[in-house]
Amino acid sequence: MANSPSGDSMLDRLVRILDAFDQHTPSMSVLALARRAQIPKATMYRLLDEMVSHGLLSRGKDGQVTLGLRLWELANRSAATQDLRKAALPFMEDINQLLGQNTQLSMLHEDEVLIIERLSRPGSVVNQASVAGRMPVHRTSMGMALLAFSRPEAIHGFLERHRELMLATHPNFRAEMAEIRRNGFASMDGYIDEETTGVAAPILDLQGYALAVLSVVVPRGSATLPAAALALRTAARGISRALGHAAES
């Protein structure tokens, strides 16, 4: 693809435009988008017209720009996430009904926790997770469970890239990883919301490494925490079997 005078390719610019949107900023003006994507205003207007015509972006009557439905359509064609969601949904529905709390299915992607699916529950506690949203590894039970059950080289690479952050927030990191692997689940109090505790159990492949993670958020100090951990572990094993994996946590 042709490069701009600054040296970045058309694909680089398109990815920056799409990456400018997140769960906290789902819409913005064209000028704000140009600033966030670091693209000249004139170029932004031209690219916007093309991306809107392909359904990758949408522009409202108020001039606000949002991600287009075509992206949702393309993302839902992913075989990996389709198979995972199909296998996980019956178990997620059981957990959702049993515990009465929002239930999430997540994966580790580009050093962040990517939310694949979420089942909401009226009256549940505060939960910051949202479908297609990303959350930090070091501040979530989801991220710590995924990391603990990652391949050794993946853990090493993550630490190399984020050593200062991890050591600041988890000074006993290796002991914590060992405890999560021993228990088969991770729980974290108040990192995202001080009144809640996140609980997460990994969905394992044949080698015992995490494919994804199943999680809930319960009130901090809740007596249901042991039951939640047990239910999540049981459901995670069921999802592994449904995917054709027989690994035990």
C-alpha atoms as a PDB file:
ATOM      1  CA  MET A   1       0.000   0.000   0.000  1.00  0.00           C
ATOM      2  CA  ALA A   2       1.204   3.534  -0.731  1.00  0.00           C
ATOM      3  CA  ASN A   3       3.024   5.344   2.007  1.00  0.00           C
ATOM      4  CA  SER A   4       2.234   8.869   3.180  1.00  0.00           C
ATOM      5  CA  PRO A   5       4.882  11.609   3.244  1.00  0.00           C
ATOM      6  CA  SER A   6       5.505  10.662   6.885  1.00  0.00           C
ATOM      7  CA  GLY A   7       6.331   7.098   5.848  1.00  0.00           C
ATOM      8  CA  ASP A   8       3.344   5.269   7.322  1.00  0.00           C
ATOM      9  CA  SER A   9       1.309   3.020   5.035  1.00  0.00           C
ATOM     10  CA  MET A  10      -2.389   3.261   4.289  1.00  0.00           C
ATOM     11  CA  LEU A  11      -2.926   0.169   6.447  1.00  0.00           C
ATOM     12  CA  ASP A  12      -1.095   1.833   9.349  1.00  0.00           C
ATOM     13  CA  ARG A  13      -3.424   4.822   9.103  1.00  0.00           C
ATOM     14  CA  LEU A  14      -6.570   2.692   8.872  1.00  0.00           C
ATOM     15  CA  VAL A  15      -5.566   0.682  11.950  1.00  0.00           C
ATOM     16  CA  ARG A  16      -4.838   3.880  13.913  1.00  0.00           C
ATOM     17  CA  ILE A  17      -8.279   5.215  12.998  1.00  0.00           C
ATOM     18  CA  LEU A  18     -10.024   2.053  14.210  1.00  0.00           C
ATOM     19  CA  ASP A  19      -7.842   1.888  17.332  1.00  0.00           C
ATOM     20  CA  ALA A  20      -8.843   5.431  18.254  1.00  0.00           C
ATOM     21  CA  PHE A  21     -12.204   4.109  19.454  1.00  0.00           C
ATOM     22  CA  ASP A  22     -12.499   2.334  22.797  1.00  0.00           C
ATOM     23  CA  GLN A  23     -15.142   1.586  25.414  1.00  0.00           C
ATOM     24  CA  HIS A  24     -14.675   5.035  26.949  1.00  0.00           C
ATOM     25  CA  THR A  25     -14.748   6.859  23.600  1.00  0.00           C
ATOM     26  CA  PRO A  26     -17.221   5.081  21.306  1.00  0.00           C
ATOM     27  CA  SER A  27     -17.864   8.205  19.226  1.00  0.00           C
ATOM     28  CA  MET A  28     -16.094  11.460  18.416  1.00  0.00           C
ATOM     29  CA  SER A  29     -15.940  14.313  15.938  1.00  0.00           C
ATOM     30  CA  VAL A  30     -13.858  14.066  12.765  1.00  0.00           C
ATOM     31  CA  LEU A  31     -11.322  16.533  14.167  1.00  0.00           C
ATOM     32  CA  ALA A  32     -11.001  14.585  17.421  1.00  0.00           C
ATOM     33  CA  LEU A  33     -10.540  11.377  15.432  1.00  0.00           C
ATOM     34  CA  ALA A  34      -7.844  12.996  13.306  1.00  0.00           C
ATOM     35  CA  ARG A  35      -5.991  14.066  16.457  1.00  0.00           C
ATOM     36  CA  ARG A  36      -6.261  10.697  18.163  1.00  0.00           C
ATOM     37  CA  ALA A  37      -5.196   8.820  15.031  1.00  0.00           C
ATOM     38  CA  GLN A  38      -2.429  11.365  14.294  1.00  0.00           C
ATOM     39  CA  ILE A  39      -3.657  11.893  10.733  1.00  0.00           C
ATOM     40  CA  PRO A  40      -3.853  15.260   8.915  1.00  0.00           C
ATOM     41  CA  LYS A  41      -7.353  16.728   8.808  1.00  0.00           C
ATOM     42  CA  ALA A  42      -7.674  16.709   5.004  1.00  0.00           C
ATOM     43  CA  THR A  43      -6.523  13.087   4.833  1.00  0.00           C
ATOM     44  CA  MET A  44      -8.920  12.172   7.629  1.00  0.00           C
ATOM     45  CA  TYR A  45     -11.919  13.560   5.734  1.00  0.00           C
ATOM     46  CA  ARG A  46     -10.939  11.602   2.614  1.00  0.00           C
ATOM     47  CA  LEU A  47     -10.379   8.338   4.491  1.00  0.00           C
ATOM     48  CA  LEU A  48     -13.584   8.837   6.464  1.00  0.00           C
ATOM     49  CA  ASP A  49     -15.668   8.974   3.279  1.00  0.00           C
ATOM     50  CA  GLU A  50     -14.094   5.749   2.028  1.00  0.00           C
ATOM     51  CA  MET A  51     -14.457   3.902   5.343  1.00  0.00           C
ATOM     52  CA  VAL A  52     -18.087   5.002   5.707  1.00  0.00           C
ATOM     53  CA  SER A  53     -18.839   3.753   2.188  1.00  0.00           C
ATOM     54  CA  HIS A  54     -17.468   0.320   3.170  1.00  0.00           C
ATOM     55  CA  GLY A  55     -19.345   0.239   6.470  1.00  0.00           C
ATOM     56  CA  LEU A  56     -16.177   0.323   8.573  1.00  0.00           C
ATOM     57  CA  LEU A  57     -17.180   3.661  10.116  1.00  0.00           C
ATOM     58  CA  SER A  58     -20.520   5.389  10.547  1.00  0.00           C
ATOM     59  CA  ARG A  59     -21.216   9.136  10.663  1.00  0.00           C
ATOM     60  CA  GLY A  60     -24.349  10.411  12.370  1.00  0.00           C
ATOM     61  CA  LYS A  61     -26.437  13.449  11.595  1.00  0.00           C
ATOM     62  CA  ASP A  62     -24.699  15.241  14.458  1.00  0.00           C
ATOM     63  CA  GLY A  63     -21.344  14.659  12.765  1.00  0.00           C
ATOM     64  CA  GLN A  64     -20.143  12.163  15.350  1.00  0.00           C
ATOM     65  CA  VAL A  65     -18.175   9.209  13.997  1.00  0.00           C
ATOM     66  CA  THR A  66     -18.559   5.653  15.344  1.00  0.00           C
ATOM     67  CA  LEU A  67     -17.346   2.221  14.333  1.00  0.00           C
ATOM     68  CA  GLY A  68     -19.475   0.673  11.596  1.00  0.00           C
ATOM     69  CA  LEU A  69     -21.572  -2.485  11.759  1.00  0.00           C
ATOM     70  CA  ARG A  70     -19.390  -4.068   9.064  1.00  0.00           C
ATOM     71  CA  LEU A  71     -16.650  -4.479  11.664  1.00  0.00           C
ATOM     72  CA  TRP A  72     -19.009  -6.380  13.964  1.00  0.00           C
ATOM     73  CA  GLU A  73     -20.019  -8.577  11.036  1.00  0.00           C
ATOM     74  CA  LEU A  74     -16.410  -9.341  10.102  1.00  0.00           C
ATOM     75  CA  ALA A  75     -15.352  -9.987  13.695  1.00  0.00           C
ATOM     76  CA  ASN A  76     -18.158 -12.483  14.198  1.00  0.00           C
ATOM     77  CA  ARG A  77     -16.858 -14.568  11.299  1.00  0.00           C
ATOM     78  CA  SER A  78     -13.742 -15.494  13.298  1.00  0.00           C
ATOM     79  CA  ALA A  79     -13.773 -19.287  13.561  1.00  0.00           C
ATOM     80  CA  ALA A  80     -11.780 -19.313  16.800  1.00  0.00           C
ATOM     81  CA  THR A  81     -14.121 -17.017  18.700  1.00  0.00           C
ATOM     82  CA  GLN A  82     -17.229 -18.576  17.132  1.00  0.00           C
ATOM     83  CA  ASP A  83     -16.270 -22.047  18.351  1.00  0.00           C
ATOM     84  CA  LEU A  84     -15.304 -20.750  21.780  1.00  0.00           C
ATOM     85  CA  ARG A  85     -18.504 -18.745  22.246  1.00  0.00           C
ATOM     86  CA  LYS A  86     -20.686 -21.615  21.028  1.00  0.00           C
ATOM     87  CA  ALA A  87     -19.072 -24.039  23.470  1.00  0.00           C
ATOM     88  CA  ALA A  88     -19.058 -21.583  26.370  1.00  0.00           C
ATOM     89  CA  LEU A  89     -22.541 -20.033  26.205  1.00  0.00           C
ATOM     90  CA  PRO A  90     -24.514 -22.923  27.788  1.00  0.00           C
ATOM     91  CA  PHE A  91     -22.065 -23.005  30.715  1.00  0.00           C
ATOM     92  CA  MET A  92     -22.098 -19.219  31.012  1.00  0.00           C
ATOM     93  CA  GLU A  93     -25.891 -19.265  31.210  1.00  0.00           C
ATOM     94  CA  ASP A  94     -25.731 -21.821  34.047  1.00  0.00           C
ATOM     95  CA  ILE A  95     -23.148 -19.741  35.949  1.00  0.00           C
ATOM     96  CA  ASN A  96     -25.135 -16.568  35.351  1.00  0.00           C
ATOM     97  CA  GLN A  97     -28.285 -18.137  36.779  1.00  0.00           C
ATOM     98  CA  LEU A  98     -26.529 -19.941  39.650  1.00  0.00           C
ATOM     99  CA  LEU A  99     -24.513 -16.983  40.958  1.00  0.00           C
ATOM    100  CA  GLY A 100     -26.781 -14.123  39.914  1.00  0.00           C
ATOM    101  CA  GLN A 101     -23.830 -12.082  38.653  1.00  0.00           C
ATOM    102  CA  ASN A 102     -22.588 -10.928  35.247  1.00  0.00           C
ATOM    103  CA  THR A 103     -20.486 -13.616  33.580  1.00  0.00           C
ATOM    104  CA  GLN A 104     -17.603 -12.994  31.169  1.00  0.00           C
ATOM    105  CA  LEU A 105     -15.639 -15.003  28.622  1.00  0.00           C
ATOM    106  CA  SER A 106     -12.231 -13.510  27.815  1.00  0.00           C
ATOM    107  CA  MET A 107      -8.947 -14.130  26.040  1.00  0.00           C
ATOM    108  CA  LEU A 108      -5.417 -12.768  26.319  1.00  0.00           C
ATOM    109  CA  HIS A 109      -4.720 -10.598  23.282  1.00  0.00           C
ATOM    110  CA  GLU A 110      -1.846  -8.175  22.714  1.00  0.00           C
ATOM    111  CA  ASP A 111      -0.971  -8.089  26.426  1.00  0.00           C
ATOM    112  CA  GLU A 112      -4.528  -7.198  27.440  1.00  0.00           C
ATOM    113  CA  VAL A 113      -7.683  -9.064  28.416  1.00  0.00           C
ATOM    114  CA  LEU A 114     -10.144  -9.010  25.509  1.00  0.00           C
ATOM    115  CA  ILE A 115     -13.783  -9.610  26.459  1.00  0.00           C
ATOM    116  CA  ILE A 116     -15.338 -12.072  23.971  1.00  0.00           C
ATOM    117  CA  GLU A 117     -18.777 -12.495  25.532  1.00  0.00           C
ATOM    118  CA  ARG A 118     -20.700 -11.259  28.548  1.00  0.00           C
ATOM    119  CA  LEU A 119     -24.046 -12.257  30.011  1.00  0.00           C
ATOM    120  CA  SER A 120     -25.635  -9.492  32.082  1.00  0.00           C
ATOM    121  CA  ARG A 121     -27.716  -9.969  35.198  1.00  0.00           C
ATOM    122  CA  PRO A 122     -30.157  -7.456  36.751  1.00  0.00           C
ATOM    123  CA  GLY A 123     -29.117  -6.403  40.237  1.00  0.00           C
ATOM    124  CA  SER A 124     -25.539  -7.619  39.862  1.00  0.00           C
ATOM    125  CA  VAL A 125     -22.565  -5.745  41.287  1.00  0.00           C
ATOM    126  CA  VAL A 126     -20.573  -3.121  39.370  1.00  0.00           C
ATOM    127  CA  ASN A 127     -18.654  -4.742  36.536  1.00  0.00           C
ATOM    128  CA  GLN A 128     -16.470  -2.769  34.118  1.00  0.00           C
ATOM    129  CA  ALA A 129     -16.180  -5.528  31.501  1.00  0.00           C
ATOM    130  CA  SER A 130     -17.916  -5.010  28.152  1.00  0.00           C
ATOM    131  CA  VAL A 131     -17.956  -7.094  24.980  1.00  0.00           C
ATOM    132  CA  ALA A 132     -15.018  -6.206  22.702  1.00  0.00           C
ATOM    133  CA  GLY A 133     -13.592  -4.108  25.529  1.00  0.00           C
ATOM    134  CA  ARG A 134     -10.092  -4.566  26.892  1.00  0.00           C
ATOM    135  CA  MET A 135      -8.956  -4.674  30.499  1.00  0.00           C
ATOM    136  CA  PRO A 136      -5.499  -4.704  32.105  1.00  0.00           C
ATOM    137  CA  VAL A 137      -3.921  -8.050  32.953  1.00  0.00           C
ATOM    138  CA  HIS A 138      -2.412  -6.915  36.258  1.00  0.00           C
ATOM    139  CA  ARG A 139      -5.656  -5.506  37.688  1.00  0.00           C
ATOM    140  CA  THR A 140      -8.084  -8.317  36.878  1.00  0.00           C
ATOM    141  CA  SER A 141      -8.595 -11.902  38.013  1.00  0.00           C
ATOM    142  CA  MET A 142      -9.184 -12.697  34.330  1.00  0.00           C
ATOM    143  CA  GLY A 143      -5.754 -11.443  33.356  1.00  0.00           C
ATOM    144  CA  MET A 144      -3.919 -13.128  36.211  1.00  0.00           C
ATOM    145  CA  ALA A 145      -5.608 -16.489  35.553  1.00  0.00           C
ATOM    146  CA  LEU A 146      -4.780 -16.233  31.847  1.00  0.00           C
ATOM    147  CA  LEU A 147      -1.181 -15.311  32.598  1.00  0.00           C
ATOM    148  CA  ALA A 148      -0.685 -18.012  35.238  1.00  0.00           C
ATOM    149  CA  PHE A 149      -1.793 -20.698  32.787  1.00  0.00           C
ATOM    150  CA  SER A 150       0.101 -19.315  29.785  1.00  0.00           C
ATOM    151  CA  ARG A 151       3.102 -21.055  28.286  1.00  0.00           C
ATOM    152  CA  PRO A 152       6.375 -20.294  30.130  1.00  0.00           C
ATOM    153  CA  GLU A 153       7.769 -18.348  27.182  1.00  0.00           C
ATOM    154  CA  ALA A 154       4.618 -16.224  27.038  1.00  0.00           C
ATOM    155  CA  ILE A 155       4.882 -15.409  30.754  1.00  0.00           C
ATOM    156  CA  HIS A 156       8.560 -14.548  30.321  1.00  0.00           C
ATOM    157  CA  GLY A 157       7.814 -12.296  27.341  1.00  0.00           C
ATOM    158  CA  PHE A 158       5.007 -10.521  29.192  1.00  0.00           C
ATOM    159  CA  LEU A 159       7.303  -9.863  32.166  1.00  0.00           C
ATOM    160  CA  GLU A 160      10.038  -8.541  29.909  1.00  0.00           C
ATOM    161  CA  ARG A 161       7.605  -6.030  28.418  1.00  0.00           C
ATOM    162  CA  HIS A 162       5.885  -5.070  31.684  1.00  0.00           C
ATOM    163  CA  ARG A 163       8.352  -5.940  34.445  1.00  0.00           C
ATOM    164  CA  GLU A 164       8.183  -2.648  36.376  1.00  0.00           C
ATOM    165  CA  LEU A 165       4.387  -2.562  36.316  1.00  0.00           C
ATOM    166  CA  MET A 166       3.998  -6.169  37.424  1.00  0.00           C
ATOM    167  CA  LEU A 167       6.560  -5.938  40.197  1.00  0.00           C
ATOM    168  CA  ALA A 168       4.952  -2.723  41.475  1.00  0.00           C
ATOM    169  CA  THR A 169       1.472  -4.251  41.632  1.00  0.00           C
ATOM    170  CA  HIS A 170       2.402  -7.878  42.306  1.00  0.00           C
ATOM    171  CA  PRO A 171       5.725  -7.926  44.243  1.00  0.00           C
ATOM    172  CA  ASN A 172       5.295 -11.651  44.945  1.00  0.00           C
ATOM    173  CA  PHE A 173       4.448 -12.374  41.334  1.00  0.00           C
ATOM    174  CA  ARG A 174       5.943 -15.874  41.032  1.00  0.00           C
ATOM    175  CA  ALA A 175       4.386 -17.053  44.287  1.00  0.00           C
ATOM    176  CA  GLU A 176       1.064 -15.613  43.167  1.00  0.00           C
ATOM    177  CA  MET A 177       1.280 -17.406  39.824  1.00  0.00           C
ATOM    178  CA  ALA A 178       2.073 -20.677  41.600  1.00  0.00           C
ATOM    179  CA  GLU A 179      -0.907 -20.242  43.938  1.00  0.00           C
ATOM    180  CA  ILE A 180      -3.278 -19.576  41.035  1.00  0.00           C
ATOM    181  CA  ARG A 181      -2.053 -22.700  39.249  1.00  0.00           C
ATOM    182  CA  ARG A 182      -2.387 -24.732  42.448  1.00  0.00           C
ATOM    183  CA  ASN A 183      -5.933 -23.485  43.145  1.00  0.00           C
ATOM    184  CA  GLY A 184      -7.095 -23.594  39.539  1.00  0.00           C
ATOM    185  CA  PHE A 185      -8.535 -20.079  39.714  1.00  0.00           C
ATOM    186  CA  ALA A 186      -7.589 -16.462  40.448  1.00  0.00           C
ATOM    187  CA  SER A 187      -9.382 -13.980  42.690  1.00  0.00           C
ATOM    188  CA  MET A 188      -8.600 -10.305  43.182  1.00  0.00           C
ATOM    189  CA  ASP A 189     -10.140  -7.821  45.603  1.00  0.00           C
ATOM    190  CA  GLY A 190     -10.902  -4.239  44.700  1.00  0.00           C
ATOM    191  CA  TYR A 191      -8.437  -3.598  41.895  1.00  0.00           C
ATOM    192  CA  ILE A 192     -11.082  -2.266  39.497  1.00  0.00           C
ATOM    193  CA  ASP A 193     -13.831  -1.471  42.025  1.00  0.00           C
ATOM    194  CA  GLU A 194     -13.035  -1.506  45.735  1.00  0.00           C
ATOM    195  CA  GLU A 195     -16.379  -3.077  46.647  1.00  0.00           C
ATOM    196  CA  THR A 196     -15.999  -6.164  44.474  1.00  0.00           C
ATOM    197  CA  THR A 197     -13.926  -9.305  44.010  1.00  0.00           C
ATOM    198  CA  GLY A 198     -13.199 -10.827  40.612  1.00  0.00           C
ATOM    199  CA  VAL A 199     -12.998 -14.598  40.266  1.00  0.00           C
ATOM    200  CA  ALA A 200     -11.745 -16.350  37.137  1.00  0.00           C
ATOM    201  CA  ALA A 201     -10.981 -19.913  36.046  1.00  0.00           C
ATOM    202  CA  PRO A 202      -9.012 -20.811  32.911  1.00  0.00           C
ATOM    203  CA  ILE A 203     -10.345 -22.861  30.012  1.00  0.00           C
ATOM    204  CA  LEU A 204      -7.432 -25.170  29.196  1.00  0.00           C
ATOM    205  CA  ASP A 205      -6.147 -26.884  26.080  1.00  0.00           C
ATOM    206  CA  LEU A 206      -4.775 -30.423  25.873  1.00  0.00           C
ATOM    207  CA  GLN A 207      -1.403 -29.298  27.234  1.00  0.00           C
ATOM    208  CA  GLY A 208      -2.974 -27.502  30.191  1.00  0.00           C
ATOM    209  CA  TYR A 209      -2.446 -23.974  28.872  1.00  0.00           C
ATOM    210  CA  ALA A 210      -5.147 -21.292  28.858  1.00  0.00           C
ATOM    211  CA  LEU A 211      -7.272 -20.869  25.748  1.00  0.00           C
ATOM    212  CA  ALA A 212      -9.568 -18.403  27.474  1.00  0.00           C
ATOM    213  CA  VAL A 213     -10.991 -17.639  30.909  1.00  0.00           C
ATOM    214  CA  LEU A 214     -14.449 -17.669  32.493  1.00  0.00           C
ATOM    215  CA  SER A 215     -15.120 -15.112  35.227  1.00  0.00           C
ATOM    216  CA  VAL A 216     -17.631 -13.356  37.475  1.00  0.00           C
ATOM    217  CA  VAL A 217     -17.491 -10.391  39.839  1.00  0.00           C
ATOM    218  CA  VAL A 218     -19.039 -10.810  43.301  1.00  0.00           C
ATOM    219  CA  PRO A 219     -19.419  -8.434  46.287  1.00  0.00           C
ATOM    220  CA  ARG A 220     -16.184  -8.111  48.222  1.00  0.00           C
ATOM    221  CA  GLY A 221     -16.195 -10.406  51.246  1.00  0.00           C
ATOM    222  CA  SER A 222     -19.063 -12.433  49.811  1.00  0.00           C
ATOM    223  CA  ALA A 223     -19.653 -15.869  51.306  1.00  0.00           C
ATOM    224  CA  THR A 224     -20.355 -17.093  47.760  1.00  0.00           C
ATOM    225  CA  LEU A 225     -16.694 -16.777  46.718  1.00  0.00           C
ATOM    226  CA  PRO A 226     -15.806 -20.484  47.293  1.00  0.00           C
ATOM    227  CA  ALA A 227     -18.972 -21.576  45.467  1.00  0.00           C
ATOM    228  CA  ALA A 228     -18.207 -19.172  42.618  1.00  0.00           C
ATOM    229  CA  ALA A 229     -14.678 -20.536  42.251  1.00  0.00           C
ATOM    230  CA  LEU A 230     -15.919 -24.129  42.247  1.00  0.00           C
ATOM    231  CA  ALA A 231     -18.677 -23.373  39.739  1.00  0.00           C
ATOM    232  CA  LEU A 232     -16.265 -21.560  37.419  1.00  0.00           C
ATOM    233  CA  ARG A 233     -13.710 -24.382  37.541  1.00  0.00           C
ATOM    234  CA  THR A 234     -16.395 -26.958  36.795  1.00  0.00           C
ATOM    235  CA  ALA A 235     -17.790 -24.892  33.921  1.00  0.00           C
ATOM    236  CA  ALA A 236     -14.309 -24.223  32.524  1.00  0.00           C
ATOM    237  CA  ARG A 237     -13.582 -27.968  32.428  1.00  0.00           C
ATOM    238  CA  GLY A 238     -16.897 -28.516  30.660  1.00  0.00           C
ATOM    239  CA  ILE A 239     -16.030 -25.918  28.032  1.00  0.00           C
ATOM    240  CA  SER A 240     -12.623 -27.543  27.514  1.00  0.00           C
ATOM    241  CA  ARG A 241     -14.308 -30.894  26.909  1.00  0.00           C
ATOM    242  CA  ALA A 242     -16.845 -29.298  24.549  1.00  0.00           C
ATOM    243  CA  LEU A 243     -13.922 -27.885  22.543  1.00  0.00           C
ATOM    244  CA  GLY A 244     -12.301 -31.319  22.363  1.00  0.00           C
ATOM    245  CA  HIS A 245      -9.745 -30.817  25.112  1.00  0.00           C
ATOM    246  CA  ALA A 246      -9.419 -33.147  28.073  1.00  0.00           C
ATOM    247  CA  ALA A 247      -6.946 -31.177  30.204  1.00  0.00           C
ATOM    248  CA  GLU A 248      -7.767 -31.035  33.896  1.00  0.00           C
ATOM    249  CA  SER A 249      -7.099 -27.957  36.052  1.00  0.00           C
END
